[in-house]
């Protein structure tokens, strides 16, 4: 299971694993209980590999934050996502000291902690995202060459 196959669906709690394309959307499986359902094409679906957190200088991918949380909690569960806002802010500040305090809200922190706990409970321990490698000697794509 890779982070690019794990989905967050707006309006639905928890995380889902991508299974297949369907006629009216996508078929997903809940990580919590393994139930399969159809996410309609009108639903806002985000792959965790594409989500990043704002810092004062750049955006940090969620995979990096999950890896730091995994190291901090030695592979175990983090604090509850229902912890006090102060505890959540302290946790995130310990993992990502320069997070943008204006754009990263407590609700975002709750989601990050809840998602991390769901992934660990589902047995996911590798949060790395594989980047496609270019073969040596190949010319870069035209849009890369223009930069």
C-alpha atoms as a PDB file:
ATOM      1  CA  UNK A   1       0.000   0.000   0.000  1.00  0.00           C
ATOM      2  CA  UNK A   2       1.455   3.336  -1.072  1.00  0.00           C
ATOM      3  CA  UNK A   3       0.529   6.841   0.033  1.00  0.00           C
ATOM      4  CA  UNK A   4      -0.545   7.704  -3.532  1.00  0.00           C
ATOM      5  CA  UNK A   5      -3.289   5.050  -3.295  1.00  0.00           C
ATOM      6  CA  UNK A   6      -4.699   6.406  -0.018  1.00  0.00           C
ATOM      7  CA  UNK A   7      -7.528   8.896  -0.473  1.00  0.00           C
ATOM      8  CA  UNK A   8      -9.325  11.442   1.656  1.00  0.00           C
ATOM      9  CA  UNK A   9     -12.881  12.075   0.502  1.00  0.00           C
ATOM     10  CA  UNK A  10     -14.516  15.380   1.410  1.00  0.00           C
ATOM     11  CA  UNK A  11     -17.569  14.882   3.586  1.00  0.00           C
ATOM     12  CA  UNK A  12     -16.649  11.330   4.571  1.00  0.00           C
ATOM     13  CA  UNK A  13     -14.653  10.472   7.695  1.00  0.00           C
ATOM     14  CA  UNK A  14     -11.530   8.342   7.563  1.00  0.00           C
ATOM     15  CA  UNK A  15      -9.230   7.296   4.763  1.00  0.00           C
ATOM     16  CA  UNK A  16      -9.838   5.065   1.782  1.00  0.00           C
ATOM     17  CA  UNK A  17      -7.763   2.884  -0.486  1.00  0.00           C
ATOM     18  CA  UNK A  18      -8.298   3.267  -4.231  1.00  0.00           C
ATOM     19  CA  UNK A  19      -9.611   0.008  -5.728  1.00  0.00           C
ATOM     20  CA  UNK A  20     -10.884   0.726  -9.251  1.00  0.00           C
ATOM     21  CA  UNK A  21     -12.628   3.162 -11.551  1.00  0.00           C
ATOM     22  CA  UNK A  22     -16.401   2.751 -11.784  1.00  0.00           C
ATOM     23  CA  UNK A  23     -18.995   4.075 -14.170  1.00  0.00           C
ATOM     24  CA  UNK A  24     -20.090   6.849 -11.799  1.00  0.00           C
ATOM     25  CA  UNK A  25     -16.895   7.535  -9.841  1.00  0.00           C
ATOM     26  CA  UNK A  26     -14.330   5.364  -8.088  1.00  0.00           C
ATOM     27  CA  UNK A  27     -14.562   2.282  -5.910  1.00  0.00           C
ATOM     28  CA  UNK A  28     -12.798   2.724  -2.583  1.00  0.00           C
ATOM     29  CA  UNK A  29     -12.197   0.567   0.475  1.00  0.00           C
ATOM     30  CA  UNK A  30     -12.274   2.065   3.971  1.00  0.00           C
ATOM     31  CA  UNK A  31      -9.003   1.487   5.829  1.00  0.00           C
ATOM     32  CA  UNK A  32     -10.840   1.252   9.143  1.00  0.00           C
ATOM     33  CA  UNK A  33     -13.208  -1.625   8.394  1.00  0.00           C
ATOM     34  CA  UNK A  34     -12.489  -2.782   4.830  1.00  0.00           C
ATOM     35  CA  UNK A  35     -15.940  -1.898   3.499  1.00  0.00           C
ATOM     36  CA  UNK A  36     -16.067  -1.021  -0.161  1.00  0.00           C
ATOM     37  CA  UNK A  37     -18.166   1.790  -1.514  1.00  0.00           C
ATOM     38  CA  UNK A  38     -18.503   4.044  -4.504  1.00  0.00           C
ATOM     39  CA  UNK A  39     -17.240   7.612  -4.264  1.00  0.00           C
ATOM     40  CA  UNK A  40     -19.224   9.644  -6.783  1.00  0.00           C
ATOM     41  CA  UNK A  41     -17.358  11.622  -9.419  1.00  0.00           C
ATOM     42  CA  UNK A  42     -18.791  14.805  -7.883  1.00  0.00           C
ATOM     43  CA  UNK A  43     -16.982  14.162  -4.552  1.00  0.00           C
ATOM     44  CA  UNK A  44     -13.750  16.005  -3.836  1.00  0.00           C
ATOM     45  CA  UNK A  45     -11.128  13.264  -3.580  1.00  0.00           C
ATOM     46  CA  UNK A  46      -7.512  13.970  -2.614  1.00  0.00           C
ATOM     47  CA  UNK A  47      -4.610  11.524  -2.629  1.00  0.00           C
ATOM     48  CA  UNK A  48      -2.502  11.912   0.521  1.00  0.00           C
ATOM     49  CA  UNK A  49       0.649  11.966  -1.620  1.00  0.00           C
ATOM     50  CA  UNK A  50      -0.536  15.246  -3.166  1.00  0.00           C
ATOM     51  CA  UNK A  51      -1.277  17.064   0.106  1.00  0.00           C
ATOM     52  CA  UNK A  52       1.311  19.408   1.604  1.00  0.00           C
ATOM     53  CA  UNK A  53       1.526  21.646   4.668  1.00  0.00           C
ATOM     54  CA  UNK A  54       2.450  25.319   4.464  1.00  0.00           C
ATOM     55  CA  UNK A  55       5.620  26.510   6.175  1.00  0.00           C
ATOM     56  CA  UNK A  56       7.158  29.968   6.264  1.00  0.00           C
ATOM     57  CA  UNK A  57       9.403  29.102   3.296  1.00  0.00           C
ATOM     58  CA  UNK A  58       7.874  26.195   1.332  1.00  0.00           C
ATOM     59  CA  UNK A  59       5.256  23.463   1.316  1.00  0.00           C
ATOM     60  CA  UNK A  60       6.192  20.203   3.046  1.00  0.00           C
ATOM     61  CA  UNK A  61       4.572  17.000   1.714  1.00  0.00           C
ATOM     62  CA  UNK A  62       2.392  15.049   4.101  1.00  0.00           C
ATOM     63  CA  UNK A  63       4.667  12.037   3.579  1.00  0.00           C
ATOM     64  CA  UNK A  64       7.535  13.912   5.275  1.00  0.00           C
ATOM     65  CA  UNK A  65       5.329  14.873   8.230  1.00  0.00           C
ATOM     66  CA  UNK A  66       4.048  11.305   8.640  1.00  0.00           C
ATOM     67  CA  UNK A  67       7.622   9.983   8.542  1.00  0.00           C
ATOM     68  CA  UNK A  68       8.657  12.443  11.270  1.00  0.00           C
ATOM     69  CA  UNK A  69       5.610  11.463  13.354  1.00  0.00           C
ATOM     70  CA  UNK A  70       6.466   7.787  12.880  1.00  0.00           C
ATOM     71  CA  UNK A  71       9.998   8.437  14.161  1.00  0.00           C
ATOM     72  CA  UNK A  72       8.776  10.589  17.074  1.00  0.00           C
ATOM     73  CA  UNK A  73       6.260   7.986  18.262  1.00  0.00           C
ATOM     74  CA  UNK A  74       8.593   5.052  17.449  1.00  0.00           C
ATOM     75  CA  UNK A  75       6.099   3.466  15.080  1.00  0.00           C
ATOM     76  CA  UNK A  76       3.164   3.748  17.448  1.00  0.00           C
ATOM     77  CA  UNK A  77       0.001   5.788  17.576  1.00  0.00           C
ATOM     78  CA  UNK A  78       0.240   9.549  18.060  1.00  0.00           C
ATOM     79  CA  UNK A  79      -1.845  11.539  20.512  1.00  0.00           C
ATOM     80  CA  UNK A  80      -5.575  11.579  19.871  1.00  0.00           C
ATOM     81  CA  UNK A  81      -6.884  13.935  17.225  1.00  0.00           C
ATOM     82  CA  UNK A  82      -9.380  15.010  19.907  1.00  0.00           C
ATOM     83  CA  UNK A  83      -6.575  16.388  22.088  1.00  0.00           C
ATOM     84  CA  UNK A  84      -6.649  20.038  23.069  1.00  0.00           C
ATOM     85  CA  UNK A  85      -5.645  22.628  20.465  1.00  0.00           C
ATOM     86  CA  UNK A  86      -2.556  23.471  22.538  1.00  0.00           C
ATOM     87  CA  UNK A  87      -1.384  19.829  22.522  1.00  0.00           C
ATOM     88  CA  UNK A  88      -1.919  19.577  18.751  1.00  0.00           C
ATOM     89  CA  UNK A  89      -0.035  22.828  18.122  1.00  0.00           C
ATOM     90  CA  UNK A  90       2.838  21.626  20.341  1.00  0.00           C
ATOM     91  CA  UNK A  91       2.996  18.317  18.461  1.00  0.00           C
ATOM     92  CA  UNK A  92       3.045  19.936  15.012  1.00  0.00           C
ATOM     93  CA  UNK A  93       5.551  22.587  16.148  1.00  0.00           C
ATOM     94  CA  UNK A  94       7.824  19.808  17.397  1.00  0.00           C
ATOM     95  CA  UNK A  95       7.663  18.036  14.045  1.00  0.00           C
ATOM     96  CA  UNK A  96       7.558  21.071  11.770  1.00  0.00           C
ATOM     97  CA  UNK A  97       8.853  24.103  13.719  1.00  0.00           C
ATOM     98  CA  UNK A  98       8.348  26.606  10.893  1.00  0.00           C
ATOM     99  CA  UNK A  99       4.774  25.659   9.935  1.00  0.00           C
ATOM    100  CA  UNK A 100       2.740  28.679   8.839  1.00  0.00           C
ATOM    101  CA  UNK A 101       0.710  29.556  11.922  1.00  0.00           C
ATOM    102  CA  UNK A 102      -1.676  31.724   9.868  1.00  0.00           C
ATOM    103  CA  UNK A 103      -2.583  29.141   7.223  1.00  0.00           C
ATOM    104  CA  UNK A 104      -2.347  25.828   9.135  1.00  0.00           C
ATOM    105  CA  UNK A 105      -5.410  25.630  11.362  1.00  0.00           C
ATOM    106  CA  UNK A 106      -6.166  23.335  14.300  1.00  0.00           C
ATOM    107  CA  UNK A 107      -8.677  21.491  12.086  1.00  0.00           C
ATOM    108  CA  UNK A 108      -5.827  20.699   9.662  1.00  0.00           C
ATOM    109  CA  UNK A 109      -3.716  19.420  12.559  1.00  0.00           C
ATOM    110  CA  UNK A 110      -6.580  17.202  13.713  1.00  0.00           C
ATOM    111  CA  UNK A 111      -6.828  15.695  10.230  1.00  0.00           C
ATOM    112  CA  UNK A 112      -3.075  15.052  10.054  1.00  0.00           C
ATOM    113  CA  UNK A 113      -3.005  13.317  13.434  1.00  0.00           C
ATOM    114  CA  UNK A 114      -6.178  11.317  12.724  1.00  0.00           C
ATOM    115  CA  UNK A 115      -4.887  10.240   9.303  1.00  0.00           C
ATOM    116  CA  UNK A 116      -1.515   9.236  10.753  1.00  0.00           C
ATOM    117  CA  UNK A 117      -3.224   7.115  13.425  1.00  0.00           C
ATOM    118  CA  UNK A 118      -5.475   5.457  10.821  1.00  0.00           C
ATOM    119  CA  UNK A 119      -2.478   4.607   8.626  1.00  0.00           C
ATOM    120  CA  UNK A 120      -0.474   3.156  11.522  1.00  0.00           C
ATOM    121  CA  UNK A 121      -3.496   1.125  12.685  1.00  0.00           C
ATOM    122  CA  UNK A 122      -3.828  -0.218   9.119  1.00  0.00           C
ATOM    123  CA  UNK A 123      -0.194  -1.388   9.241  1.00  0.00           C
ATOM    124  CA  UNK A 124       1.323   1.259   7.009  1.00  0.00           C
ATOM    125  CA  UNK A 125       4.863   2.101   8.076  1.00  0.00           C
ATOM    126  CA  UNK A 126       6.479   3.418   4.900  1.00  0.00           C
ATOM    127  CA  UNK A 127       5.257   6.888   4.032  1.00  0.00           C
ATOM    128  CA  UNK A 128       7.759   7.589   1.263  1.00  0.00           C
ATOM    129  CA  UNK A 129       6.466   8.660  -2.105  1.00  0.00           C
ATOM    130  CA  UNK A 130       8.303   7.245  -5.100  1.00  0.00           C
ATOM    131  CA  UNK A 131       9.292   9.942  -7.555  1.00  0.00           C
ATOM    132  CA  UNK A 132       9.580   8.876 -11.198  1.00  0.00           C
ATOM    133  CA  UNK A 133      13.251   8.629 -12.147  1.00  0.00           C
ATOM    134  CA  UNK A 134      14.494  10.008 -15.450  1.00  0.00           C
ATOM    135  CA  UNK A 135      16.932   7.780 -17.276  1.00  0.00           C
ATOM    136  CA  UNK A 136      20.413   9.234 -17.468  1.00  0.00           C
ATOM    137  CA  UNK A 137      21.180  10.962 -20.726  1.00  0.00           C
ATOM    138  CA  UNK A 138      17.543  11.709 -21.528  1.00  0.00           C
ATOM    139  CA  UNK A 139      16.591  15.229 -22.482  1.00  0.00           C
ATOM    140  CA  UNK A 140      14.285  16.932 -19.981  1.00  0.00           C
ATOM    141  CA  UNK A 141      10.680  17.517 -20.914  1.00  0.00           C
ATOM    142  CA  UNK A 142      10.107  20.788 -22.849  1.00  0.00           C
ATOM    143  CA  UNK A 143       8.475  22.544 -19.874  1.00  0.00           C
ATOM    144  CA  UNK A 144      11.467  21.669 -17.680  1.00  0.00           C
ATOM    145  CA  UNK A 145      13.958  22.847 -20.299  1.00  0.00           C
ATOM    146  CA  UNK A 146      12.293  26.266 -20.456  1.00  0.00           C
ATOM    147  CA  UNK A 147      12.912  26.977 -16.762  1.00  0.00           C
END
